[in-house]
Protein backbone atom coordinates (compact mmCIF):
# COMPACT_ATOMS: atom_id res chain seq x y z
CA PHE A 1 -14.20 -2.97 -10.10
CA PRO A 2 -10.82 -2.56 -8.30
CA PHE A 3 -10.06 -6.19 -9.10
CA ARG A 4 -10.05 -5.48 -12.82
CA LEU A 5 -7.97 -2.37 -12.34
CA PHE A 6 -5.34 -4.14 -10.24
CA PRO A 7 -4.80 -7.66 -11.57
CA LEU A 8 -2.49 -10.11 -9.78
CA ARG A 9 -0.81 -13.45 -10.36
CA GLU A 10 -3.02 -14.93 -7.63
CA HIS A 11 -6.72 -15.63 -7.26
CA GLY A 12 -8.78 -12.98 -5.53
CA MET A 13 -12.37 -12.64 -4.40
CA ASN A 14 -13.71 -12.44 -7.97
CA LEU A 15 -13.86 -16.09 -8.96
CA ARG A 16 -14.44 -15.19 -12.64
CA ALA A 17 -11.18 -13.23 -12.84
CA ARG A 18 -8.22 -15.37 -13.76
CA PRO A 19 -4.75 -14.63 -12.38
CA LEU A 20 -2.24 -12.82 -14.57
CA THR A 21 0.61 -14.69 -16.15
CA CYS A 22 4.22 -13.49 -16.11
CA GLN A 23 3.98 -13.01 -19.88
CA GLU A 24 0.94 -10.75 -19.49
CA ILE A 25 2.72 -8.68 -16.87
CA GLN A 26 5.72 -8.24 -19.17
CA ALA A 27 3.41 -7.23 -22.03
CA PHE A 28 1.68 -4.68 -19.77
CA LYS A 29 5.03 -3.20 -18.73
CA LYS A 30 6.08 -2.78 -22.37
CA SER A 31 2.92 -0.84 -23.26
CA LYS A 32 3.16 2.86 -22.47
CA GLU A 33 -0.63 3.17 -22.85
CA VAL A 34 -1.34 0.32 -20.41
CA MET A 35 1.06 1.74 -17.85
CA GLN A 36 -0.47 5.23 -18.16
CA ARG A 37 -3.91 3.70 -17.58
CA PHE A 38 -2.53 1.84 -14.59
CA ILE A 39 -1.26 5.09 -13.04
CA ARG A 40 -4.62 6.77 -13.72
CA ALA A 41 -6.42 3.86 -12.01
CA TYR A 42 -4.02 4.17 -9.05
CA GLN A 43 -4.72 7.90 -8.80
CA LEU A 44 -8.47 7.25 -8.99
CA MET A 45 -8.33 4.83 -6.06
CA LEU A 46 -6.06 7.13 -4.08
CA ARG A 47 -8.55 9.99 -4.50
CA PHE A 48 -11.33 7.65 -3.34
CA TYR A 49 -9.30 7.08 -0.17
CA GLY A 50 -8.56 10.80 0.33
CA ILE A 51 -4.96 10.70 -0.94
CA ASN A 52 -3.23 12.55 -3.79
CA LEU A 53 -0.25 11.36 -5.81
CA ILE A 54 1.83 14.54 -5.91
CA ASN A 55 4.83 13.19 -7.83
CA GLU A 56 4.39 10.53 -10.53
CA GLU A 57 8.14 10.06 -10.75
CA THR A 58 8.76 9.29 -7.08
CA GLY A 59 5.32 8.13 -5.94
CA GLU A 60 5.16 10.76 -3.19
CA LEU A 61 1.73 11.18 -1.59
CA LYS A 62 -0.19 13.63 0.56
CA ARG A 63 -3.66 13.94 2.02
CA ALA A 64 -6.32 15.20 -0.37
CA GLU A 65 -8.53 18.14 0.58
CA ASN A 66 -11.39 15.74 1.34
CA TRP A 67 -9.18 13.47 3.47
CA ALA A 68 -11.24 13.71 6.68
CA LYS A 69 -14.44 12.47 5.04
CA ARG A 70 -12.62 9.76 3.06
CA PHE A 71 -10.70 8.58 6.12
CA GLN A 72 -14.04 8.12 7.92
CA ASN A 73 -14.94 5.68 5.14
CA LEU A 74 -11.60 3.88 5.50
CA ASN A 75 -12.07 3.59 9.25
CA ARG A 76 -15.65 2.37 8.95
CA PHE A 77 -15.34 -0.23 6.17
CA SER A 78 -12.56 -2.77 6.57
CA HIS A 79 -13.09 -4.24 3.07
CA ASN A 80 -11.05 -1.26 1.83
CA ASN A 81 -8.01 -2.81 3.51
CA LEU A 82 -8.24 -5.84 1.20
CA ARG A 83 -8.38 -3.53 -1.80
CA ILE A 84 -5.39 -1.55 -0.58
CA THR A 85 -3.42 -4.77 -0.09
CA ARG A 86 -4.33 -5.77 -3.64
CA ILE A 87 -3.27 -2.38 -5.00
CA LEU A 88 0.05 -2.65 -3.15
CA LYS A 89 0.71 -6.12 -4.55
CA CYS A 90 -0.18 -4.97 -8.06
CA LEU A 91 2.16 -1.97 -7.76
CA GLY A 92 4.95 -4.46 -7.06
CA GLU A 93 3.96 -6.67 -10.01
CA MET A 94 3.95 -3.72 -12.39
CA GLY A 95 7.36 -2.42 -11.35
CA TYR A 96 6.22 0.38 -9.06
CA GLU A 97 7.93 -0.81 -5.89
CA HIS A 98 8.80 2.80 -5.03
CA TYR A 99 5.08 3.61 -5.08
CA GLN A 100 4.48 0.73 -2.65
CA VAL A 101 6.94 2.23 -0.17
CA HIS A 102 5.27 5.65 -0.23
CA LEU A 103 1.78 4.19 0.18
CA VAL A 104 2.76 1.94 3.08
CA LYS A 105 4.64 4.77 4.81
CA PHE A 106 1.62 7.03 4.29
CA PHE A 107 -0.62 4.51 6.09
CA LEU A 108 1.93 3.90 8.84
CA THR A 109 2.17 7.65 9.43
CA GLU A 110 -1.60 8.12 9.48
CA THR A 111 -2.16 5.14 11.79
CA LEU A 112 0.80 5.32 14.16
CA VAL A 113 1.90 8.96 14.14
CA LYS A 114 -1.18 11.06 13.34
CA LYS A 115 -3.63 8.42 14.61
CA THR A 116 -6.25 9.36 12.01
CA LEU A 117 -6.85 5.78 10.82
CA PRO A 118 -6.98 3.61 13.94
CA ASN A 119 -9.02 0.88 12.23
CA VAL A 120 -6.45 0.52 9.45
CA LYS A 121 -3.48 0.07 11.81
CA ILE A 122 -3.53 -3.73 12.04
CA SER A 123 -3.89 -4.14 8.26
CA ALA A 124 -1.05 -1.67 7.70
CA LEU A 125 1.18 -3.67 10.03
CA ASP A 126 0.04 -7.22 9.20
CA TYR A 127 -0.47 -6.90 5.44
CA PHE A 128 0.54 -3.61 3.83
CA LEU A 129 4.09 -3.73 5.23
CA PHE A 130 4.73 -7.21 3.89
CA THR A 131 3.76 -6.40 0.31
CA ILE A 132 7.02 -4.45 -0.01
CA ARG A 133 9.31 -6.40 -2.31
CA SER A 134 12.58 -4.75 -1.37
CA LYS A 135 13.92 -6.38 1.77
CA ARG A 136 15.88 -3.23 2.64
CA LYS A 137 12.87 -0.93 2.19
CA ARG A 138 10.65 -3.35 4.13
CA ARG A 139 13.17 -3.33 7.00
CA GLU A 140 13.23 0.49 6.93
CA LEU A 141 9.44 0.58 7.17
CA VAL A 142 9.34 -2.02 9.96
CA HIS A 143 11.85 0.13 11.84
CA TYR A 144 9.77 3.25 11.18
CA ALA A 145 6.67 1.45 12.48
CA TRP A 146 8.56 0.24 15.55
CA GLN A 147 9.76 3.79 16.30
CA HIS A 148 6.17 5.05 16.36
CA PHE A 149 4.30 2.06 17.77
CA ARG A 150 2.98 2.38 21.33
CA PRO A 151 3.44 0.58 23.60
CA ARG A 152 6.73 -0.34 21.96
CA GLY A 153 7.02 -3.53 24.03
CA SER A 154 3.95 -4.91 22.23
CA PHE A 155 5.49 -4.53 18.77
CA VAL A 156 5.53 -8.01 17.20
CA TRP A 157 6.50 -7.27 13.59
CA GLY A 158 10.24 -7.51 14.11
CA PRO A 159 12.81 -8.61 16.70
CA HIS A 160 13.37 -5.80 19.20
CA ASP A 161 17.10 -6.51 19.59
CA LYS A 162 17.64 -6.02 15.84
CA LEU A 163 15.34 -2.99 15.71
CA LEU A 164 17.36 -1.34 18.49
CA LYS A 165 20.57 -1.76 16.45
CA TYR A 166 19.04 -0.88 13.07
CA ARG A 167 20.73 1.95 11.15
């Protein structure tokens, strides 16, 4: 079900689903109806994970009222991390890179700062972070993760000498 909602240009777990072509992606982007459906699908999955999209323009997120129960599900079932990675990649394909940044930062904050999603931390650092298309935004998020990672000496997602100098 999420695989049909968030198609990619690569093969996934559903062997019957064929990867998108660049032409199909461009056609999707030109269709206001398709893009509205895409945003509704994104909101649906966010709500399933206990997250609300509070600003469709910026992609800003916050915890939903049922976040505690939904986060238990995220912590218990790691297959959700594959779906989140897929959603992040699809956001990039569809031109919603700014949404990617908010979603990755949300998970970094919940895992590293608030510590509500300990079982999502490795996926957030190993996979979610590296779906970000913008090199500058990805660097900002790596720096943010480094600032909040403990113990800092064990941070392996970026060179410490560069992270110390990052502005």
